[in-house]
C-alpha atoms as a PDB file:
ATOM      1  CA  UNK A   1     -10.281 -31.729   9.600  1.00  0.00           C
ATOM      2  CA  UNK A   2      -9.335 -32.066   5.912  1.00  0.00           C
ATOM      3  CA  UNK A   3     -12.939 -31.396   4.832  1.00  0.00           C
ATOM      4  CA  UNK A   4     -13.057 -28.211   6.942  1.00  0.00           C
ATOM      5  CA  UNK A   5      -9.864 -26.907   5.335  1.00  0.00           C
ATOM      6  CA  UNK A   6     -11.161 -27.844   1.873  1.00  0.00           C
ATOM      7  CA  UNK A   7     -14.446 -26.040   2.557  1.00  0.00           C
ATOM      8  CA  UNK A   8     -12.568 -22.964   3.795  1.00  0.00           C
ATOM      9  CA  UNK A   9     -10.321 -22.972   0.703  1.00  0.00           C
ATOM     10  CA  UNK A  10     -13.408 -22.925  -1.517  1.00  0.00           C
ATOM     11  CA  UNK A  11     -15.394 -20.477   0.612  1.00  0.00           C
ATOM     12  CA  UNK A  12     -12.642 -17.854   0.596  1.00  0.00           C
ATOM     13  CA  UNK A  13     -12.330 -18.254  -3.193  1.00  0.00           C
ATOM     14  CA  UNK A  14     -16.031 -17.354  -3.466  1.00  0.00           C
ATOM     15  CA  UNK A  15     -16.375 -14.619  -0.864  1.00  0.00           C
ATOM     16  CA  UNK A  16     -13.222 -12.562  -1.519  1.00  0.00           C
ATOM     17  CA  UNK A  17     -14.022 -11.796  -5.196  1.00  0.00           C
ATOM     18  CA  UNK A  18     -17.606 -10.875  -4.272  1.00  0.00           C
ATOM     19  CA  UNK A  19     -16.377  -8.528  -1.518  1.00  0.00           C
ATOM     20  CA  UNK A  20     -13.910  -6.959  -3.960  1.00  0.00           C
ATOM     21  CA  UNK A  21     -16.716  -6.582  -6.491  1.00  0.00           C
ATOM     22  CA  UNK A  22     -18.890  -4.766  -3.966  1.00  0.00           C
ATOM     23  CA  UNK A  23     -15.962  -2.575  -2.915  1.00  0.00           C
ATOM     24  CA  UNK A  24     -15.359  -1.723  -6.582  1.00  0.00           C
ATOM     25  CA  UNK A  25     -18.817  -0.242  -7.158  1.00  0.00           C
ATOM     26  CA  UNK A  26     -18.461   3.433  -8.133  1.00  0.00           C
ATOM     27  CA  UNK A  27     -14.716   3.147  -7.684  1.00  0.00           C
ATOM     28  CA  UNK A  28     -11.803   3.340 -10.109  1.00  0.00           C
ATOM     29  CA  UNK A  29     -13.312   6.252 -12.032  1.00  0.00           C
ATOM     30  CA  UNK A  30      -9.981   6.672 -13.827  1.00  0.00           C
ATOM     31  CA  UNK A  31     -10.603   3.411 -15.721  1.00  0.00           C
ATOM     32  CA  UNK A  32     -12.415   3.905 -19.041  1.00  0.00           C
ATOM     33  CA  UNK A  33     -15.158   1.295 -18.526  1.00  0.00           C
ATOM     34  CA  UNK A  34     -15.042   0.975 -14.734  1.00  0.00           C
ATOM     35  CA  UNK A  35     -18.691  -0.133 -14.617  1.00  0.00           C
ATOM     36  CA  UNK A  36     -17.528  -3.619 -15.753  1.00  0.00           C
ATOM     37  CA  UNK A  37     -15.089  -4.063 -12.847  1.00  0.00           C
ATOM     38  CA  UNK A  38     -17.570  -4.966 -10.056  1.00  0.00           C
ATOM     39  CA  UNK A  39     -19.312  -7.497 -12.334  1.00  0.00           C
ATOM     40  CA  UNK A  40     -15.963  -9.042 -13.235  1.00  0.00           C
ATOM     41  CA  UNK A  41     -15.106  -9.708  -9.591  1.00  0.00           C
ATOM     42  CA  UNK A  42     -18.622 -10.894  -8.713  1.00  0.00           C
ATOM     43  CA  UNK A  43     -18.670 -13.334 -11.658  1.00  0.00           C
ATOM     44  CA  UNK A  44     -15.402 -14.835 -10.377  1.00  0.00           C
ATOM     45  CA  UNK A  45     -17.020 -15.320  -6.965  1.00  0.00           C
ATOM     46  CA  UNK A  46     -20.079 -16.915  -8.587  1.00  0.00           C
ATOM     47  CA  UNK A  47     -17.743 -19.279 -10.455  1.00  0.00           C
ATOM     48  CA  UNK A  48     -16.398 -20.527  -7.122  1.00  0.00           C
ATOM     49  CA  UNK A  49     -19.907 -20.876  -5.691  1.00  0.00           C
ATOM     50  CA  UNK A  50     -20.907 -22.957  -8.736  1.00  0.00           C
ATOM     51  CA  UNK A  51     -17.857 -25.152  -8.226  1.00  0.00           C
ATOM     52  CA  UNK A  52     -18.787 -25.644  -4.561  1.00  0.00           C
ATOM     53  CA  UNK A  53     -22.309 -26.706  -5.521  1.00  0.00           C
ATOM     54  CA  UNK A  54     -20.844 -29.069  -8.126  1.00  0.00           C
ATOM     55  CA  UNK A  55     -18.628 -30.613  -5.442  1.00  0.00           C
ATOM     56  CA  UNK A  56     -21.702 -31.491  -3.350  1.00  0.00           C
ATOM     57  CA  UNK A  57     -22.611 -33.910  -6.171  1.00  0.00           C
ATOM     58  CA  UNK A  58     -19.254 -35.704  -5.808  1.00  0.00           C
ATOM     59  CA  UNK A  59     -18.956 -35.726  -1.997  1.00  0.00           C
ATOM     60  CA  UNK A  60     -16.342 -32.952  -2.303  1.00  0.00           C
ATOM     61  CA  UNK A  61     -13.949 -35.264  -4.118  1.00  0.00           C
ATOM     62  CA  UNK A  62     -12.617 -33.664  -7.273  1.00  0.00           C
ATOM     63  CA  UNK A  63     -13.915 -35.466 -10.339  1.00  0.00           C
ATOM     64  CA  UNK A  64     -13.030 -34.289 -13.846  1.00  0.00           C
ATOM     65  CA  UNK A  65     -16.504 -34.341 -15.358  1.00  0.00           C
ATOM     66  CA  UNK A  66     -19.070 -32.245 -17.183  1.00  0.00           C
ATOM     67  CA  UNK A  67     -22.208 -31.113 -15.401  1.00  0.00           C
ATOM     68  CA  UNK A  68     -24.544 -28.136 -15.223  1.00  0.00           C
ATOM     69  CA  UNK A  69     -22.704 -26.573 -12.268  1.00  0.00           C
ATOM     70  CA  UNK A  70     -19.322 -27.286 -13.836  1.00  0.00           C
ATOM     71  CA  UNK A  71     -20.616 -25.437 -16.924  1.00  0.00           C
ATOM     72  CA  UNK A  72     -21.692 -22.569 -14.666  1.00  0.00           C
ATOM     73  CA  UNK A  73     -18.213 -22.526 -13.124  1.00  0.00           C
ATOM     74  CA  UNK A  74     -16.542 -22.151 -16.534  1.00  0.00           C
ATOM     75  CA  UNK A  75     -19.203 -19.702 -17.732  1.00  0.00           C
ATOM     76  CA  UNK A  76     -18.845 -17.374 -14.740  1.00  0.00           C
ATOM     77  CA  UNK A  77     -15.050 -17.670 -14.913  1.00  0.00           C
ATOM     78  CA  UNK A  78     -15.162 -16.706 -18.583  1.00  0.00           C
ATOM     79  CA  UNK A  79     -17.471 -13.756 -17.915  1.00  0.00           C
ATOM     80  CA  UNK A  80     -15.439 -12.568 -14.923  1.00  0.00           C
ATOM     81  CA  UNK A  81     -12.151 -12.517 -16.804  1.00  0.00           C
ATOM     82  CA  UNK A  82     -13.811 -10.944 -19.846  1.00  0.00           C
ATOM     83  CA  UNK A  83     -15.457  -8.156 -17.851  1.00  0.00           C
ATOM     84  CA  UNK A  84     -12.165  -7.351 -16.129  1.00  0.00           C
ATOM     85  CA  UNK A  85     -10.413  -7.405 -19.504  1.00  0.00           C
ATOM     86  CA  UNK A  86     -12.855  -5.091 -21.293  1.00  0.00           C
ATOM     87  CA  UNK A  87     -12.996  -2.674 -18.364  1.00  0.00           C
ATOM     88  CA  UNK A  88      -9.729  -1.146 -19.577  1.00  0.00           C
ATOM     89  CA  UNK A  89     -10.512  -1.188 -23.318  1.00  0.00           C
ATOM     90  CA  UNK A  90     -11.866   1.893 -25.076  1.00  0.00           C
ATOM     91  CA  UNK A  91     -12.153   0.339 -28.536  1.00  0.00           C
ATOM     92  CA  UNK A  92     -15.691  -0.999 -29.041  1.00  0.00           C
ATOM     93  CA  UNK A  93     -14.589  -3.607 -31.625  1.00  0.00           C
ATOM     94  CA  UNK A  94     -12.032  -5.101 -29.207  1.00  0.00           C
ATOM     95  CA  UNK A  95     -14.601  -5.145 -26.389  1.00  0.00           C
ATOM     96  CA  UNK A  96     -17.123  -6.878 -28.663  1.00  0.00           C
ATOM     97  CA  UNK A  97     -14.507  -9.398 -29.819  1.00  0.00           C
ATOM     98  CA  UNK A  98     -13.589 -10.206 -26.189  1.00  0.00           C
ATOM     99  CA  UNK A  99     -17.247 -10.681 -25.315  1.00  0.00           C
ATOM    100  CA  UNK A 100     -17.863 -12.935 -28.362  1.00  0.00           C
ATOM    101  CA  UNK A 101     -14.919 -15.127 -27.355  1.00  0.00           C
ATOM    102  CA  UNK A 102     -16.437 -15.410 -23.879  1.00  0.00           C
ATOM    103  CA  UNK A 103     -19.809 -16.432 -25.343  1.00  0.00           C
ATOM    104  CA  UNK A 104     -18.016 -18.950 -27.559  1.00  0.00           C
ATOM    105  CA  UNK A 105     -16.438 -20.486 -24.459  1.00  0.00           C
ATOM    106  CA  UNK A 106     -19.807 -20.708 -22.721  1.00  0.00           C
ATOM    107  CA  UNK A 107     -21.629 -22.215 -25.716  1.00  0.00           C
ATOM    108  CA  UNK A 108     -18.836 -24.594 -26.767  1.00  0.00           C
ATOM    109  CA  UNK A 109     -18.872 -26.346 -23.369  1.00  0.00           C
ATOM    110  CA  UNK A 110     -22.192 -27.977 -24.255  1.00  0.00           C
ATOM    111  CA  UNK A 111     -21.925 -28.055 -28.038  1.00  0.00           C
ATOM    112  CA  UNK A 112     -18.544 -29.754 -28.096  1.00  0.00           C
ATOM    113  CA  UNK A 113     -16.861 -30.405 -24.756  1.00  0.00           C
ATOM    114  CA  UNK A 114     -14.956 -28.820 -21.920  1.00  0.00           C
ATOM    115  CA  UNK A 115     -11.605 -28.930 -23.744  1.00  0.00           C
ATOM    116  CA  UNK A 116     -12.898 -26.557 -26.459  1.00  0.00           C
ATOM    117  CA  UNK A 117     -14.254 -24.217 -23.777  1.00  0.00           C
ATOM    118  CA  UNK A 118     -10.819 -24.284 -22.126  1.00  0.00           C
ATOM    119  CA  UNK A 119      -9.212 -23.270 -25.408  1.00  0.00           C
ATOM    120  CA  UNK A 120     -11.413 -20.175 -25.473  1.00  0.00           C
ATOM    121  CA  UNK A 121     -10.502 -19.563 -21.800  1.00  0.00           C
ATOM    122  CA  UNK A 122      -6.837 -19.439 -22.835  1.00  0.00           C
ATOM    123  CA  UNK A 123      -7.657 -16.832 -25.485  1.00  0.00           C
ATOM    124  CA  UNK A 124      -9.625 -14.815 -22.915  1.00  0.00           C
ATOM    125  CA  UNK A 125      -6.622 -14.881 -20.562  1.00  0.00           C
ATOM    126  CA  UNK A 126      -4.279 -13.764 -23.345  1.00  0.00           C
ATOM    127  CA  UNK A 127      -6.557 -10.809 -24.113  1.00  0.00           C
ATOM    128  CA  UNK A 128      -6.774  -9.978 -20.413  1.00  0.00           C
ATOM    129  CA  UNK A 129      -3.011 -10.007 -19.928  1.00  0.00           C
ATOM    130  CA  UNK A 130      -2.448  -7.973 -23.088  1.00  0.00           C
ATOM    131  CA  UNK A 131      -5.123  -5.385 -22.234  1.00  0.00           C
ATOM    132  CA  UNK A 132      -4.131  -4.911 -18.593  1.00  0.00           C
ATOM    133  CA  UNK A 133      -0.399  -4.837 -19.222  1.00  0.00           C
ATOM    134  CA  UNK A 134      -0.835  -2.268 -21.993  1.00  0.00           C
ATOM    135  CA  UNK A 135      -2.860   0.027 -19.718  1.00  0.00           C
ATOM    136  CA  UNK A 136      -1.268  -0.464 -16.307  1.00  0.00           C
ATOM    137  CA  UNK A 137       2.333  -1.470 -17.040  1.00  0.00           C
ATOM    138  CA  UNK A 138       2.533  -2.714 -13.455  1.00  0.00           C
ATOM    139  CA  UNK A 139       5.101  -5.394 -12.531  1.00  0.00           C
ATOM    140  CA  UNK A 140       2.692  -6.687  -9.867  1.00  0.00           C
ATOM    141  CA  UNK A 141       0.376  -7.960 -12.610  1.00  0.00           C
ATOM    142  CA  UNK A 142       2.828 -10.815 -13.284  1.00  0.00           C
ATOM    143  CA  UNK A 143       1.209 -12.509 -10.272  1.00  0.00           C
ATOM    144  CA  UNK A 144      -1.970 -13.125 -12.297  1.00  0.00           C
ATOM    145  CA  UNK A 145      -0.438 -15.510 -14.862  1.00  0.00           C
ATOM    146  CA  UNK A 146       1.764 -17.103 -12.184  1.00  0.00           C
ATOM    147  CA  UNK A 147      -1.035 -17.881  -9.697  1.00  0.00           C
ATOM    148  CA  UNK A 148      -4.194 -17.638 -11.824  1.00  0.00           C
ATOM    149  CA  UNK A 149      -2.919 -19.662 -14.767  1.00  0.00           C
ATOM    150  CA  UNK A 150       0.301 -21.546 -14.044  1.00  0.00           C
ATOM    151  CA  UNK A 151      -0.231 -22.670 -10.432  1.00  0.00           C
ATOM    152  CA  UNK A 152      -3.974 -23.362 -10.720  1.00  0.00           C
ATOM    153  CA  UNK A 153      -3.323 -25.415 -13.873  1.00  0.00           C
ATOM    154  CA  UNK A 154      -0.383 -27.208 -12.244  1.00  0.00           C
ATOM    155  CA  UNK A 155      -2.355 -28.025  -9.066  1.00  0.00           C
ATOM    156  CA  UNK A 156      -5.410 -29.080 -11.105  1.00  0.00           C
ATOM    157  CA  UNK A 157      -3.290 -31.321 -13.320  1.00  0.00           C
ATOM    158  CA  UNK A 158      -1.590 -32.914 -10.298  1.00  0.00           C
ATOM    159  CA  UNK A 159      -5.030 -33.480  -8.766  1.00  0.00           C
ATOM    160  CA  UNK A 160      -6.401 -35.078 -11.940  1.00  0.00           C
ATOM    161  CA  UNK A 161      -3.369 -37.322 -12.434  1.00  0.00           C
ATOM    162  CA  UNK A 162      -2.790 -38.410  -8.843  1.00  0.00           C
ATOM    163  CA  UNK A 163      -6.275 -38.174  -7.350  1.00  0.00           C
ATOM    164  CA  UNK A 164      -4.560 -36.822  -4.215  1.00  0.00           C
ATOM    165  CA  UNK A 165      -7.032 -34.327  -2.748  1.00  0.00           C
ATOM    166  CA  UNK A 166      -4.178 -32.342  -1.161  1.00  0.00           C
ATOM    167  CA  UNK A 167      -3.786 -30.540  -4.516  1.00  0.00           C
ATOM    168  CA  UNK A 168      -7.455 -29.586  -4.304  1.00  0.00           C
ATOM    169  CA  UNK A 169      -6.653 -27.441  -1.245  1.00  0.00           C
ATOM    170  CA  UNK A 170      -4.223 -25.265  -3.204  1.00  0.00           C
ATOM    171  CA  UNK A 171      -6.312 -24.349  -6.251  1.00  0.00           C
ATOM    172  CA  UNK A 172      -8.747 -21.922  -4.559  1.00  0.00           C
ATOM    173  CA  UNK A 173      -6.114 -19.915  -2.637  1.00  0.00           C
ATOM    174  CA  UNK A 174      -3.969 -19.700  -5.763  1.00  0.00           C
ATOM    175  CA  UNK A 175      -6.923 -18.295  -7.704  1.00  0.00           C
ATOM    176  CA  UNK A 176      -7.646 -15.854  -4.888  1.00  0.00           C
ATOM    177  CA  UNK A 177      -4.101 -14.478  -5.089  1.00  0.00           C
ATOM    178  CA  UNK A 178      -4.696 -13.718  -8.768  1.00  0.00           C
ATOM    179  CA  UNK A 179      -8.028 -12.008  -7.945  1.00  0.00           C
ATOM    180  CA  UNK A 180      -6.343  -9.907  -5.246  1.00  0.00           C
ATOM    181  CA  UNK A 181      -3.701  -9.013  -7.829  1.00  0.00           C
ATOM    182  CA  UNK A 182      -6.386  -7.478 -10.064  1.00  0.00           C
ATOM    183  CA  UNK A 183      -7.667  -5.369  -7.191  1.00  0.00           C
ATOM    184  CA  UNK A 184      -4.205  -4.250  -6.078  1.00  0.00           C
ATOM    185  CA  UNK A 185      -3.224  -3.275  -9.635  1.00  0.00           C
ATOM    186  CA  UNK A 186      -6.424  -1.226  -9.890  1.00  0.00           C
ATOM    187  CA  UNK A 187      -5.719   0.500  -6.575  1.00  0.00           C
ATOM    188  CA  UNK A 188      -2.098   1.219  -7.498  1.00  0.00           C
ATOM    189  CA  UNK A 189      -3.182   2.581 -10.877  1.00  0.00           C
ATOM    190  CA  UNK A 190      -5.223   5.317  -9.227  1.00  0.00           C
ATOM    191  CA  UNK A 191      -1.993   6.996  -8.092  1.00  0.00           C
ATOM    192  CA  UNK A 192      -0.480   6.665 -11.582  1.00  0.00           C
ATOM    193  CA  UNK A 193      -3.468   8.144 -13.371  1.00  0.00           C
ATOM    194  CA  UNK A 194      -3.993  11.030 -10.933  1.00  0.00           C
END
């Protein structure tokens, strides 16, 4: 029973962003670089798929380790957040800077270790929050840092410290709430911009 719930928690974290990415194609024309939005969502879904594949190597028990699929998870996560971030940025220098930070996260995972990649992930999230809040000014966006950063980090830390797989069940749904927040903010912004 626990395994089925764990599988469902991961599956929904993969499929919902991909569905939102597909639904975003040729949508949100009021956003300056809307072509990046579908890729952003799809990369987040691919991150979850990579994590699921990584879990097959550990019998679905969370293990804090480095591996090829764990690298793919962080890489796709970095790209997804970056693409969503730069979708609302008109300034080419800022877009390029965001993308270079994302590449730094991806490369540093193997060159140094996961902790350096996570540092770049924090910078990516700061850029994302700053860019989206500046453009949308939507109170609903507060759900992203609450669920996508605070709760996922809290649940992941509890999981790492305690080894209690219950915390593993909560990470995927928490991340999905943050992904849904992106989509809802985009939908609500259409009314503001038109």
